């Protein structure tokens, strides 16, 4: 797998795997409660017209994240 960086940098439609979640503790806990944990496959599926928020899909659910929240989710490209 190739390192991309964070979820906000992931190209639209590209499948990736979460490698680490850093940042604000309350945001991290909320994301992990929803199932966004290291090893989870995730895809950026939509970006708002002004670039914020972004929509991601994982484990059969679709959620919106602010760019600042997505910047704390580090991912690797899925081959």
PDB file of N, CA and C in Angstrom:
ATOM      1  N   UNK A   1       0.839  -1.181   0.000  1.00  0.00           N
ATOM      2  CA  UNK A   1       0.000   0.000   0.000  1.00  0.00           C
ATOM      3  C   UNK A   1       0.886   1.247   0.000  1.00  0.00           C
ATOM      4  N   UNK A   2       0.419   2.249  -0.694  1.00  0.00           N
ATOM      5  CA  UNK A   2       1.154   3.506  -0.784  1.00  0.00           C
ATOM      6  C   UNK A   2       0.556   4.524   0.179  1.00  0.00           C
ATOM      7  N   UNK A   3       1.422   5.248   0.868  1.00  0.00           N
ATOM      8  CA  UNK A   3       0.975   6.280   1.792  1.00  0.00           C
ATOM      9  C   UNK A   3       0.480   7.490   1.016  1.00  0.00           C
ATOM     10  N   UNK A   4      -0.702   7.967   1.328  1.00  0.00           N
ATOM     11  CA  UNK A   4      -1.271   9.154   0.696  1.00  0.00           C
ATOM     12  C   UNK A   4      -1.068  10.351   1.593  1.00  0.00           C
ATOM     13  N   UNK A   5      -1.283  10.178   2.841  1.00  0.00           N
ATOM     14  CA  UNK A   5      -1.285  11.286   3.784  1.00  0.00           C
ATOM     15  C   UNK A   5      -2.577  11.211   4.558  1.00  0.00           C
ATOM     16  N   UNK A   6      -3.329  12.302   4.545  1.00  0.00           N
ATOM     17  CA  UNK A   6      -4.573  12.271   5.301  1.00  0.00           C
ATOM     18  C   UNK A   6      -5.784  12.163   4.379  1.00  0.00           C
ATOM     19  N   UNK A   7      -6.917  11.915   4.985  1.00  0.00           N
ATOM     20  CA  UNK A   7      -8.157  11.682   4.247  1.00  0.00           C
ATOM     21  C   UNK A   7      -8.565  12.882   3.396  1.00  0.00           C
ATOM     22  N   UNK A   8      -8.257  14.079   3.841  1.00  0.00           N
ATOM     23  CA  UNK A   8      -8.624  15.260   3.054  1.00  0.00           C
ATOM     24  C   UNK A   8      -7.825  15.332   1.751  1.00  0.00           C
ATOM     25  N   UNK A   9      -6.659  14.681   1.689  1.00  0.00           N
ATOM     26  CA  UNK A   9      -5.825  14.667   0.487  1.00  0.00           C
ATOM     27  C   UNK A   9      -6.131  13.501  -0.450  1.00  0.00           C
ATOM     28  N   UNK A  10      -6.954  12.565  -0.017  1.00  0.00           N
ATOM     29  CA  UNK A  10      -7.279  11.388  -0.815  1.00  0.00           C
ATOM     30  C   UNK A  10      -8.038  11.803  -2.074  1.00  0.00           C
ATOM     31  N   UNK A  11      -7.618  11.316  -3.247  1.00  0.00           N
ATOM     32  CA  UNK A  11      -8.349  11.646  -4.469  1.00  0.00           C
ATOM     33  C   UNK A  11      -9.789  11.121  -4.419  1.00  0.00           C
ATOM     34  N   UNK A  12     -10.690  11.853  -5.014  1.00  0.00           N
ATOM     35  CA  UNK A  12     -12.100  11.478  -5.054  1.00  0.00           C
ATOM     36  C   UNK A  12     -12.265  10.103  -5.698  1.00  0.00           C
ATOM     37  N   UNK A  13     -12.988   9.222  -5.035  1.00  0.00           N
ATOM     38  CA  UNK A  13     -13.258   7.885  -5.559  1.00  0.00           C
ATOM     39  C   UNK A  13     -12.204   6.840  -5.249  1.00  0.00           C
ATOM     40  N   UNK A  14     -11.054   7.241  -4.744  1.00  0.00           N
ATOM     41  CA  UNK A  14      -9.958   6.312  -4.457  1.00  0.00           C
ATOM     42  C   UNK A  14     -10.221   5.546  -3.166  1.00  0.00           C
ATOM     43  N   UNK A  15     -10.018   4.236  -3.209  1.00  0.00           N
ATOM     44  CA  UNK A  15     -10.160   3.393  -2.028  1.00  0.00           C
ATOM     45  C   UNK A  15      -8.858   3.417  -1.236  1.00  0.00           C
ATOM     46  N   UNK A  16      -8.964   3.537   0.078  1.00  0.00           N
ATOM     47  CA  UNK A  16      -7.795   3.580   0.956  1.00  0.00           C
ATOM     48  C   UNK A  16      -8.095   2.801   2.230  1.00  0.00           C
ATOM     49  N   UNK A  17      -7.067   2.628   3.041  1.00  0.00           N
ATOM     50  CA  UNK A  17      -7.187   1.954   4.332  1.00  0.00           C
ATOM     51  C   UNK A  17      -6.696   2.918   5.405  1.00  0.00           C
ATOM     52  N   UNK A  18      -7.470   3.075   6.462  1.00  0.00           N
ATOM     53  CA  UNK A  18      -7.091   3.955   7.559  1.00  0.00           C
ATOM     54  C   UNK A  18      -5.880   3.372   8.274  1.00  0.00           C
ATOM     55  N   UNK A  19      -4.840   4.196   8.441  1.00  0.00           N
ATOM     56  CA  UNK A  19      -3.641   3.731   9.134  1.00  0.00           C
ATOM     57  C   UNK A  19      -3.546   4.298  10.551  1.00  0.00           C
ATOM     58  N   UNK A  20      -4.073   5.524  10.741  1.00  0.00           N
ATOM     59  CA  UNK A  20      -3.972   6.158  12.059  1.00  0.00           C
ATOM     60  C   UNK A  20      -4.986   7.291  12.154  1.00  0.00           C
ATOM     61  N   UNK A  21      -5.476   7.539  13.366  1.00  0.00           N
ATOM     62  CA  UNK A  21      -6.376   8.664  13.608  1.00  0.00           C
ATOM     63  C   UNK A  21      -5.750   9.527  14.696  1.00  0.00           C
ATOM     64  N   UNK A  22      -5.482  10.783  14.347  1.00  0.00           N
ATOM     65  CA  UNK A  22      -4.859  11.735  15.271  1.00  0.00           C
ATOM     66  C   UNK A  22      -5.733  12.981  15.333  1.00  0.00           C
ATOM     67  N   UNK A  23      -5.459  13.825  16.275  1.00  0.00           N
ATOM     68  CA  UNK A  23      -6.187  15.087  16.343  1.00  0.00           C
ATOM     69  C   UNK A  23      -6.977  15.223  17.625  1.00  0.00           C
ATOM     70  N   UNK A  24      -8.059  15.973  17.548  1.00  0.00           N
ATOM     71  CA  UNK A  24      -8.906  16.272  18.694  1.00  0.00           C
ATOM     72  C   UNK A  24      -9.489  14.990  19.279  1.00  0.00           C
ATOM     73  N   UNK A  25      -9.327  14.810  20.579  1.00  0.00           N
ATOM     74  CA  UNK A  25      -9.751  13.577  21.248  1.00  0.00           C
ATOM     75  C   UNK A  25     -11.246  13.316  21.101  1.00  0.00           C
ATOM     76  N   UNK A  26     -12.077  14.339  21.246  1.00  0.00           N
ATOM     77  CA  UNK A  26     -13.530  14.122  21.152  1.00  0.00           C
ATOM     78  C   UNK A  26     -13.933  13.727  19.733  1.00  0.00           C
ATOM     79  N   UNK A  27     -13.286  14.310  18.727  1.00  0.00           N
ATOM     80  CA  UNK A  27     -13.565  13.937  17.329  1.00  0.00           C
ATOM     81  C   UNK A  27     -13.109  12.504  17.086  1.00  0.00           C
ATOM     82  N   UNK A  28     -11.906  12.151  17.560  1.00  0.00           N
ATOM     83  CA  UNK A  28     -11.390  10.787  17.397  1.00  0.00           C
ATOM     84  C   UNK A  28     -12.340   9.763  18.004  1.00  0.00           C
ATOM     85  N   UNK A  29     -12.829  10.044  19.200  1.00  0.00           N
ATOM     86  CA  UNK A  29     -13.741   9.105  19.856  1.00  0.00           C
ATOM     87  C   UNK A  29     -15.033   8.940  19.064  1.00  0.00           C
ATOM     88  N   UNK A  30     -15.552  10.044  18.534  1.00  0.00           N
ATOM     89  CA  UNK A  30     -16.790   9.980  17.741  1.00  0.00           C
ATOM     90  C   UNK A  30     -16.571   9.146  16.482  1.00  0.00           C
ATOM     91  N   UNK A  31     -15.448   9.365  15.798  1.00  0.00           N
ATOM     92  CA  UNK A  31     -15.157   8.620  14.574  1.00  0.00           C
ATOM     93  C   UNK A  31     -14.963   7.135  14.867  1.00  0.00           C
ATOM     94  N   UNK A  32     -14.238   6.819  15.922  1.00  0.00           N
ATOM     95  CA  UNK A  32     -13.999   5.417  16.256  1.00  0.00           C
ATOM     96  C   UNK A  32     -15.286   4.723  16.699  1.00  0.00           C
ATOM     97  N   UNK A  33     -16.174   5.439  17.371  1.00  0.00           N
ATOM     98  CA  UNK A  33     -17.462   4.873  17.769  1.00  0.00           C
ATOM     99  C   UNK A  33     -18.284   4.483  16.539  1.00  0.00           C
ATOM    100  N   UNK A  34     -18.131   5.243  15.460  1.00  0.00           N
ATOM    101  CA  UNK A  34     -18.852   4.944  14.215  1.00  0.00           C
ATOM    102  C   UNK A  34     -18.181   3.830  13.415  1.00  0.00           C
ATOM    103  N   UNK A  35     -17.016   3.360  13.867  1.00  0.00           N
ATOM    104  CA  UNK A  35     -16.341   2.267  13.178  1.00  0.00           C
ATOM    105  C   UNK A  35     -15.160   2.682  12.326  1.00  0.00           C
ATOM    106  N   UNK A  36     -14.775   3.939  12.389  1.00  0.00           N
ATOM    107  CA  UNK A  36     -13.634   4.431  11.622  1.00  0.00           C
ATOM    108  C   UNK A  36     -12.384   4.173  12.458  1.00  0.00           C
ATOM    109  N   UNK A  37     -11.812   2.975  12.296  1.00  0.00           N
ATOM    110  CA  UNK A  37     -10.646   2.558  13.069  1.00  0.00           C
ATOM    111  C   UNK A  37      -9.540   2.128  12.105  1.00  0.00           C
ATOM    112  N   UNK A  38      -8.284   2.090  12.573  1.00  0.00           N
ATOM    113  CA  UNK A  38      -7.208   1.626  11.700  1.00  0.00           C
ATOM    114  C   UNK A  38      -7.527   0.249  11.109  1.00  0.00           C
ATOM    115  N   UNK A  39      -7.232   0.108   9.811  1.00  0.00           N
ATOM    116  CA  UNK A  39      -7.510  -1.131   9.082  1.00  0.00           C
ATOM    117  C   UNK A  39      -8.806  -1.091   8.291  1.00  0.00           C
ATOM    118  N   UNK A  40      -9.636  -0.081   8.520  1.00  0.00           N
ATOM    119  CA  UNK A  40     -10.922   0.047   7.835  1.00  0.00           C
ATOM    120  C   UNK A  40     -10.719   0.627   6.429  1.00  0.00           C
ATOM    121  N   UNK A  41     -11.374   0.030   5.442  1.00  0.00           N
ATOM    122  CA  UNK A  41     -11.355   0.580   4.089  1.00  0.00           C
ATOM    123  C   UNK A  41     -12.292   1.778   4.030  1.00  0.00           C
ATOM    124  N   UNK A  42     -11.857   2.818   3.316  1.00  0.00           N
ATOM    125  CA  UNK A  42     -12.625   4.056   3.242  1.00  0.00           C
ATOM    126  C   UNK A  42     -12.435   4.680   1.861  1.00  0.00           C
ATOM    127  N   UNK A  43     -13.442   5.411   1.424  1.00  0.00           N
ATOM    128  CA  UNK A  43     -13.397   6.061   0.110  1.00  0.00           C
ATOM    129  C   UNK A  43     -14.006   7.453   0.218  1.00  0.00           C
ATOM    130  N   UNK A  44     -13.342   8.449  -0.380  1.00  0.00           N
ATOM    131  CA  UNK A  44     -13.919   9.800  -0.464  1.00  0.00           C
ATOM    132  C   UNK A  44     -14.883   9.774  -1.648  1.00  0.00           C
ATOM    133  N   UNK A  45     -16.179  10.069  -1.389  1.00  0.00           N
ATOM    134  CA  UNK A  45     -17.188   9.936  -2.433  1.00  0.00           C
ATOM    135  C   UNK A  45     -17.762  11.254  -2.926  1.00  0.00           C
ATOM    136  N   UNK A  46     -17.568  12.324  -2.175  1.00  0.00           N
ATOM    137  CA  UNK A  46     -18.147  13.601  -2.587  1.00  0.00           C
ATOM    138  C   UNK A  46     -17.432  14.749  -1.885  1.00  0.00           C
ATOM    139  N   UNK A  47     -17.350  15.880  -2.598  1.00  0.00           N
ATOM    140  CA  UNK A  47     -16.758  17.090  -2.025  1.00  0.00           C
ATOM    141  C   UNK A  47     -17.731  18.232  -2.278  1.00  0.00           C
ATOM    142  N   UNK A  48     -17.998  19.024  -1.263  1.00  0.00           N
ATOM    143  CA  UNK A  48     -18.892  20.176  -1.410  1.00  0.00           C
ATOM    144  C   UNK A  48     -18.297  21.166  -2.417  1.00  0.00           C
ATOM    145  N   UNK A  49     -19.129  21.983  -3.059  1.00  0.00           N
ATOM    146  CA  UNK A  49     -18.648  22.919  -4.074  1.00  0.00           C
ATOM    147  C   UNK A  49     -17.495  23.819  -3.614  1.00  0.00           C
ATOM    148  N   UNK A  50     -17.480  24.216  -2.355  1.00  0.00           N
ATOM    149  CA  UNK A  50     -16.391  25.063  -1.867  1.00  0.00           C
ATOM    150  C   UNK A  50     -15.279  24.256  -1.200  1.00  0.00           C
ATOM    151  N   UNK A  51     -15.354  22.919  -1.305  1.00  0.00           N
ATOM    152  CA  UNK A  51     -14.301  22.050  -0.787  1.00  0.00           C
ATOM    153  C   UNK A  51     -14.459  21.579   0.642  1.00  0.00           C
ATOM    154  N   UNK A  52     -15.476  22.040   1.333  1.00  0.00           N
ATOM    155  CA  UNK A  52     -15.671  21.651   2.727  1.00  0.00           C
ATOM    156  C   UNK A  52     -17.154  21.660   3.034  1.00  0.00           C
ATOM    157  N   UNK A  53     -17.753  20.587   3.489  1.00  0.00           N
ATOM    158  CA  UNK A  53     -17.180  19.332   3.969  1.00  0.00           C
ATOM    159  C   UNK A  53     -16.960  18.333   2.830  1.00  0.00           C
ATOM    160  N   UNK A  54     -16.452  17.152   3.226  1.00  0.00           N
ATOM    161  CA  UNK A  54     -16.309  16.046   2.282  1.00  0.00           C
ATOM    162  C   UNK A  54     -17.154  14.882   2.790  1.00  0.00           C
ATOM    163  N   UNK A  55     -17.599  14.038   1.863  1.00  0.00           N
ATOM    164  CA  UNK A  55     -18.360  12.837   2.238  1.00  0.00           C
ATOM    165  C   UNK A  55     -17.474  11.623   2.010  1.00  0.00           C
ATOM    166  N   UNK A  56     -17.481  10.724   2.986  1.00  0.00           N
ATOM    167  CA  UNK A  56     -16.713   9.488   2.880  1.00  0.00           C
ATOM    168  C   UNK A  56     -17.642   8.301   3.121  1.00  0.00           C
ATOM    169  N   UNK A  57     -17.227   7.160   2.599  1.00  0.00           N
ATOM    170  CA  UNK A  57     -18.018   5.939   2.747  1.00  0.00           C
ATOM    171  C   UNK A  57     -17.122   4.849   3.319  1.00  0.00           C
ATOM    172  N   UNK A  58     -17.624   4.163   4.343  1.00  0.00           N
ATOM    173  CA  UNK A  58     -16.905   3.052   4.960  1.00  0.00           C
ATOM    174  C   UNK A  58     -17.914   2.170   5.673  1.00  0.00           C
ATOM    175  N   UNK A  59     -17.663   0.869   5.665  1.00  0.00           N
ATOM    176  CA  UNK A  59     -18.525  -0.103   6.348  1.00  0.00           C
ATOM    177  C   UNK A  59     -20.003   0.102   6.024  1.00  0.00           C
ATOM    178  N   UNK A  60     -20.315   0.437   4.776  1.00  0.00           N
ATOM    179  CA  UNK A  60     -21.702   0.573   4.353  1.00  0.00           C
ATOM    180  C   UNK A  60     -22.393   1.851   4.790  1.00  0.00           C
ATOM    181  N   UNK A  61     -21.660   2.787   5.368  1.00  0.00           N
ATOM    182  CA  UNK A  61     -22.274   4.050   5.774  1.00  0.00           C
ATOM    183  C   UNK A  61     -21.556   5.221   5.100  1.00  0.00           C
ATOM    184  N   UNK A  62     -22.275   6.300   4.959  1.00  0.00           N
ATOM    185  CA  UNK A  62     -21.744   7.505   4.331  1.00  0.00           C
ATOM    186  C   UNK A  62     -21.890   8.646   5.333  1.00  0.00           C
ATOM    187  N   UNK A  63     -20.773   9.342   5.610  1.00  0.00           N
ATOM    188  CA  UNK A  63     -20.813  10.455   6.546  1.00  0.00           C
ATOM    189  C   UNK A  63     -20.080  11.662   5.952  1.00  0.00           C
ATOM    190  N   UNK A  64     -20.380  12.831   6.474  1.00  0.00           N
ATOM    191  CA  UNK A  64     -19.687  14.050   6.084  1.00  0.00           C
ATOM    192  C   UNK A  64     -18.725  14.456   7.189  1.00  0.00           C
ATOM    193  N   UNK A  65     -17.552  14.912   6.774  1.00  0.00           N
ATOM    194  CA  UNK A  65     -16.535  15.379   7.708  1.00  0.00           C
ATOM    195  C   UNK A  65     -16.042  16.753   7.281  1.00  0.00           C
ATOM    196  N   UNK A  66     -15.743  17.582   8.251  1.00  0.00           N
ATOM    197  CA  UNK A  66     -15.060  18.839   7.936  1.00  0.00           C
ATOM    198  C   UNK A  66     -13.649  18.492   7.483  1.00  0.00           C
ATOM    199  N   UNK A  67     -13.064  19.359   6.674  1.00  0.00           N
ATOM    200  CA  UNK A  67     -11.695  19.119   6.219  1.00  0.00           C
ATOM    201  C   UNK A  67     -10.728  19.011   7.389  1.00  0.00           C
ATOM    202  N   UNK A  68     -10.944  19.792   8.433  1.00  0.00           N
ATOM    203  CA  UNK A  68     -10.052  19.733   9.595  1.00  0.00           C
ATOM    204  C   UNK A  68     -10.153  18.390  10.307  1.00  0.00           C
ATOM    205  N   UNK A  69     -11.354  17.805  10.337  1.00  0.00           N
ATOM    206  CA  UNK A  69     -11.527  16.475  10.936  1.00  0.00           C
ATOM    207  C   UNK A  69     -10.862  15.416  10.059  1.00  0.00           C
ATOM    208  N   UNK A  70     -11.057  15.522   8.753  1.00  0.00           N
ATOM    209  CA  UNK A  70     -10.476  14.559   7.814  1.00  0.00           C
ATOM    210  C   UNK A  70      -8.955  14.621   7.806  1.00  0.00           C
ATOM    211  N   UNK A  71      -8.398  15.785   8.129  1.00  0.00           N
ATOM    212  CA  UNK A  71      -6.942  15.947   8.139  1.00  0.00           C
ATOM    213  C   UNK A  71      -6.280  15.109   9.234  1.00  0.00           C
ATOM    214  N   UNK A  72      -7.027  14.694  10.240  1.00  0.00           N
ATOM    215  CA  UNK A  72      -6.493  13.869  11.307  1.00  0.00           C
ATOM    216  C   UNK A  72      -6.605  12.378  11.066  1.00  0.00           C
ATOM    217  N   UNK A  73      -7.185  11.997   9.927  1.00  0.00           N
ATOM    218  CA  UNK A  73      -7.335  10.578   9.583  1.00  0.00           C
ATOM    219  C   UNK A  73      -6.303  10.250   8.499  1.00  0.00           C
ATOM    220  N   UNK A  74      -5.286   9.486   8.858  1.00  0.00           N
ATOM    221  CA  UNK A  74      -4.225   9.152   7.917  1.00  0.00           C
ATOM    222  C   UNK A  74      -4.532   7.827   7.224  1.00  0.00           C
ATOM    223  N   UNK A  75      -4.279   7.786   5.918  1.00  0.00           N
ATOM    224  CA  UNK A  75      -4.667   6.640   5.108  1.00  0.00           C
ATOM    225  C   UNK A  75      -3.532   6.194   4.189  1.00  0.00           C
ATOM    226  N   UNK A  76      -3.624   4.933   3.763  1.00  0.00           N
ATOM    227  CA  UNK A  76      -2.749   4.352   2.747  1.00  0.00           C
ATOM    228  C   UNK A  76      -3.636   3.947   1.580  1.00  0.00           C
ATOM    229  N   UNK A  77      -3.148   4.149   0.339  1.00  0.00           N
ATOM    230  CA  UNK A  77      -3.914   3.720  -0.833  1.00  0.00           C
ATOM    231  C   UNK A  77      -4.082   2.217  -0.842  1.00  0.00           C
ATOM    232  N   UNK A  78      -5.238   1.770  -1.255  1.00  0.00           N
ATOM    233  CA  UNK A  78      -5.522   0.339  -1.374  1.00  0.00           C
ATOM    234  C   UNK A  78      -5.147  -0.079  -2.792  1.00  0.00           C
ATOM    235  N   UNK A  79      -4.356  -1.118  -2.911  1.00  0.00           N
ATOM    236  CA  UNK A  79      -3.946  -1.606  -4.238  1.00  0.00           C
ATOM    237  C   UNK A  79      -5.074  -2.295  -4.965  1.00  0.00           C
TER     238      UNK A  79
END
